[in-house]
N, C-alpha and C. Protein backbone atom coordinates (compact mmCIF):
# COMPACT_ATOMS: atom_id res chain seq x y z
N UNK A 1 0.50 16.24 -26.21
CA UNK A 1 0.61 16.54 -24.62
C UNK A 1 -0.62 17.14 -24.02
N UNK A 2 -1.15 18.25 -24.95
CA UNK A 2 -1.97 18.92 -24.41
C UNK A 2 -3.42 18.24 -23.94
N UNK A 3 -3.71 17.17 -24.74
CA UNK A 3 -4.78 16.39 -24.73
C UNK A 3 -4.63 15.48 -23.52
N UNK A 4 -3.37 15.02 -23.14
CA UNK A 4 -2.99 14.03 -21.95
C UNK A 4 -3.30 14.88 -20.76
N UNK A 5 -2.77 16.17 -20.84
CA UNK A 5 -2.89 17.08 -19.55
C UNK A 5 -4.38 17.26 -19.42
N UNK A 6 -5.14 17.47 -20.52
CA UNK A 6 -6.46 17.74 -20.35
C UNK A 6 -7.18 16.70 -19.58
N UNK A 7 -7.00 15.33 -20.16
CA UNK A 7 -7.58 14.12 -19.56
C UNK A 7 -7.15 14.08 -18.09
N UNK A 8 -5.96 14.35 -17.87
CA UNK A 8 -5.47 14.10 -16.48
C UNK A 8 -6.25 15.14 -15.62
N UNK A 9 -6.28 16.48 -16.10
CA UNK A 9 -7.13 17.49 -15.18
C UNK A 9 -8.42 16.96 -15.18
N UNK A 10 -9.38 16.39 -16.14
CA UNK A 10 -10.43 16.15 -16.03
C UNK A 10 -10.84 14.97 -15.12
N UNK A 11 -10.09 14.07 -15.09
CA UNK A 11 -9.98 12.83 -14.09
C UNK A 11 -9.89 13.32 -13.00
N UNK A 12 -8.83 14.21 -12.30
CA UNK A 12 -8.59 14.95 -11.28
C UNK A 12 -9.86 15.59 -10.78
N UNK A 13 -10.47 16.17 -11.77
CA UNK A 13 -11.47 16.88 -11.39
C UNK A 13 -12.98 16.07 -10.88
N UNK A 14 -12.99 14.92 -11.80
CA UNK A 14 -14.15 14.13 -11.35
C UNK A 14 -13.84 13.37 -9.93
N UNK A 15 -12.58 12.93 -9.78
CA UNK A 15 -12.33 12.33 -8.28
C UNK A 15 -12.31 13.22 -7.49
N UNK A 16 -12.25 14.32 -7.40
CA UNK A 16 -12.31 15.46 -6.33
C UNK A 16 -13.82 15.61 -6.02
N UNK A 17 -14.43 15.65 -7.24
CA UNK A 17 -16.09 16.04 -7.20
C UNK A 17 -16.49 14.98 -6.20
N UNK A 18 -16.08 13.79 -5.91
CA UNK A 18 -16.59 12.79 -5.00
C UNK A 18 -16.58 13.23 -3.60
N UNK A 19 -15.70 13.88 -3.15
CA UNK A 19 -15.64 14.45 -2.20
C UNK A 19 -16.47 15.76 -1.91
N UNK A 20 -17.15 16.27 -2.90
CA UNK A 20 -18.17 17.16 -2.67
C UNK A 20 -19.53 16.40 -2.62
N UNK A 21 -19.67 15.17 -3.48
CA UNK A 21 -20.77 14.55 -3.39
C UNK A 21 -21.14 13.69 -2.30
N UNK A 22 -20.25 13.16 -1.73
CA UNK A 22 -20.52 12.26 -0.35
C UNK A 22 -21.60 12.77 0.52
N UNK A 23 -20.92 14.16 1.13
CA UNK A 23 -21.79 14.63 2.01
C UNK A 23 -23.46 15.09 1.63
N UNK A 24 -23.78 15.16 0.35
CA UNK A 24 -24.72 15.53 -0.35
C UNK A 24 -25.70 14.16 -0.48
N UNK A 25 -24.85 13.07 -0.90
CA UNK A 25 -25.48 11.81 -0.73
C UNK A 25 -25.83 11.30 0.55
N UNK A 26 -24.96 11.49 1.49
CA UNK A 26 -25.33 10.91 3.09
C UNK A 26 -26.46 11.78 3.52
N UNK A 27 -26.64 12.97 3.09
CA UNK A 27 -27.93 13.72 3.82
C UNK A 27 -29.10 13.38 2.72
N UNK A 28 -29.19 13.04 1.55
CA UNK A 28 -30.31 12.64 0.67
C UNK A 28 -30.68 11.32 0.87
N UNK A 29 -29.77 10.35 0.96
CA UNK A 29 -29.91 9.05 1.35
C UNK A 29 -30.33 8.69 2.77
N UNK A 30 -29.76 9.43 3.71
CA UNK A 30 -29.87 9.10 4.94
C UNK A 30 -28.80 8.16 5.51
N UNK A 31 -27.63 8.24 4.80
CA UNK A 31 -26.49 7.23 5.24
C UNK A 31 -25.70 7.71 6.31
N UNK A 32 -25.09 6.71 6.96
CA UNK A 32 -24.21 6.99 8.21
C UNK A 32 -22.96 7.15 7.65
N UNK A 33 -22.12 7.51 8.71
CA UNK A 33 -20.62 7.59 8.36
C UNK A 33 -20.07 6.58 7.80
N UNK A 34 -20.35 5.36 8.39
CA UNK A 34 -19.81 3.79 7.90
C UNK A 34 -20.23 3.57 6.64
N UNK A 35 -21.52 3.85 6.23
CA UNK A 35 -21.94 3.64 4.70
C UNK A 35 -20.98 4.50 3.84
N UNK A 36 -21.08 5.88 4.14
CA UNK A 36 -20.18 6.70 3.10
C UNK A 36 -18.79 6.34 3.14
N UNK A 37 -18.50 5.60 4.09
CA UNK A 37 -16.92 5.17 4.12
C UNK A 37 -16.69 3.96 2.97
N UNK A 38 -17.87 3.11 3.21
CA UNK A 38 -17.96 1.89 2.50
C UNK A 38 -17.74 2.27 1.08
N UNK A 39 -18.71 3.44 0.55
CA UNK A 39 -19.00 3.91 -0.65
C UNK A 39 -17.25 4.20 -1.20
N UNK A 40 -16.89 5.22 -0.23
CA UNK A 40 -15.56 5.73 -0.66
C UNK A 40 -14.44 4.64 -0.79
N UNK A 41 -14.57 3.64 -0.05
CA UNK A 41 -13.54 2.48 -0.21
C UNK A 41 -13.75 1.86 -1.29
N UNK A 42 -15.10 1.48 -1.69
CA UNK A 42 -15.32 0.68 -2.95
C UNK A 42 -14.94 1.59 -4.20
N UNK A 43 -14.74 2.86 -4.14
CA UNK A 43 -14.50 3.71 -5.43
C UNK A 43 -12.93 3.36 -5.30
N UNK A 44 -12.28 3.85 -4.40
CA UNK A 44 -10.98 3.52 -4.27
C UNK A 44 -10.48 2.36 -4.77
N UNK A 45 -11.02 1.21 -4.08
CA UNK A 45 -10.50 -0.18 -4.47
C UNK A 45 -10.68 -0.44 -6.05
N UNK A 46 -11.87 0.02 -6.52
CA UNK A 46 -12.10 -0.23 -7.86
C UNK A 46 -11.23 0.49 -8.71
N UNK A 47 -10.90 1.84 -8.39
CA UNK A 47 -9.82 2.37 -9.25
C UNK A 47 -8.42 1.63 -9.12
N UNK A 48 -8.28 1.16 -7.98
CA UNK A 48 -6.63 0.41 -7.87
C UNK A 48 -6.82 -0.80 -8.34
N UNK A 49 -8.07 -1.45 -8.30
CA UNK A 49 -7.96 -2.89 -8.83
C UNK A 49 -8.05 -2.89 -10.48
N UNK A 50 -8.55 -1.89 -11.11
CA UNK A 50 -8.56 -1.84 -12.28
C UNK A 50 -7.31 -1.77 -13.04
N UNK A 51 -6.45 -0.96 -12.32
CA UNK A 51 -5.21 -0.47 -12.99
C UNK A 51 -4.46 -1.77 -13.50
N UNK A 52 -4.35 -2.73 -12.76
CA UNK A 52 -3.55 -4.14 -13.07
C UNK A 52 -4.05 -4.72 -14.33
N UNK A 53 -5.45 -4.85 -14.67
CA UNK A 53 -5.70 -5.23 -15.95
C UNK A 53 -5.60 -4.40 -17.11
N UNK A 54 -5.77 -2.83 -16.65
CA UNK A 54 -5.73 -1.88 -17.78
C UNK A 54 -4.11 -1.94 -18.27
N UNK A 55 -3.20 -1.96 -17.28
CA UNK A 55 -1.86 -2.01 -17.53
C UNK A 55 -1.36 -3.40 -18.28
N UNK A 56 -2.10 -4.45 -18.05
CA UNK A 56 -1.74 -5.70 -18.87
C UNK A 56 -2.36 -5.64 -20.28
N UNK A 57 -3.52 -4.71 -20.55
CA UNK A 57 -4.11 -4.63 -21.89
C UNK A 57 -3.50 -3.47 -22.61
N UNK A 58 -2.86 -2.75 -22.00
CA UNK A 58 -1.91 -1.51 -22.60
C UNK A 58 -0.74 -2.24 -23.20
N UNK A 59 0.12 -2.94 -22.14
CA UNK A 59 1.10 -3.69 -22.42
C UNK A 59 1.16 -4.48 -23.93
N UNK A 60 -0.12 -5.24 -23.95
CA UNK A 60 -0.24 -6.37 -25.02
C UNK A 60 -0.94 -5.58 -26.04
N UNK A 61 -1.69 -4.61 -26.12
CA UNK A 61 -2.51 -4.39 -27.43
C UNK A 61 -2.25 -2.54 -27.58
N UNK A 62 -1.43 -2.24 -26.75
CA UNK A 62 -1.02 -0.64 -26.93
C UNK A 62 -2.05 0.23 -26.11
N UNK A 63 -1.71 1.48 -25.80
CA UNK A 63 -2.23 2.39 -25.04
C UNK A 63 -3.53 2.83 -25.50
N UNK A 64 -3.61 2.88 -27.07
CA UNK A 64 -5.11 3.49 -27.62
C UNK A 64 -6.05 2.46 -27.44
N UNK A 65 -5.77 1.16 -27.26
CA UNK A 65 -6.85 0.15 -26.90
C UNK A 65 -7.51 0.34 -25.55
N UNK A 66 -6.80 0.54 -24.48
CA UNK A 66 -7.25 0.78 -23.32
C UNK A 66 -7.95 2.34 -23.14
N UNK A 67 -7.50 3.11 -23.93
CA UNK A 67 -8.05 4.63 -23.73
C UNK A 67 -9.43 4.57 -24.56
N UNK A 68 -9.62 3.81 -25.64
CA UNK A 68 -10.80 3.80 -26.26
C UNK A 68 -11.87 3.31 -25.65
N UNK A 69 -11.49 2.13 -24.69
CA UNK A 69 -12.38 1.46 -23.74
C UNK A 69 -12.74 2.12 -22.74
N UNK A 70 -12.18 3.02 -22.35
CA UNK A 70 -12.28 3.73 -21.04
C UNK A 70 -13.50 4.38 -20.65
N UNK A 71 -14.19 4.16 -19.38
CA UNK A 71 -15.49 5.20 -19.46
C UNK A 71 -15.07 6.86 -19.48
N UNK A 72 -15.97 7.56 -20.08
CA UNK A 72 -15.78 8.90 -20.28
C UNK A 72 -16.08 9.67 -19.22
N UNK A 73 -16.56 9.28 -18.10
CA UNK A 73 -17.09 10.09 -17.05
C UNK A 73 -17.45 8.82 -15.80
N UNK A 74 -17.62 9.56 -14.71
CA UNK A 74 -17.68 8.54 -13.60
C UNK A 74 -19.01 7.84 -13.65
N UNK A 75 -20.04 8.32 -14.09
CA UNK A 75 -21.62 7.80 -14.07
C UNK A 75 -21.34 6.55 -15.03
N UNK A 76 -20.66 6.93 -16.35
CA UNK A 76 -20.50 5.54 -16.86
C UNK A 76 -19.72 4.29 -16.35
N UNK A 77 -18.86 4.66 -15.40
CA UNK A 77 -18.13 3.46 -14.86
C UNK A 77 -18.99 2.84 -13.73
N UNK A 78 -20.01 3.38 -13.37
CA UNK A 78 -20.91 2.40 -12.17
C UNK A 78 -21.60 1.45 -13.32
């Protein structure tokens, strides 16, 4: 249970870190509000879209199959 809680806290931390990074990326790369919005939409859409295949894999092969193949950091998911 502690590992699951830790993984959940880590995931939420990385997800919340995106809100800190978006203004920095906007300033660094000269992005407009629409472009930052597209980045945020792509992130949210990919998180939502991959839940269906992950759920199907977990149902077919078990939860450990999906956990082992999951990216360990947001950078490795890109």
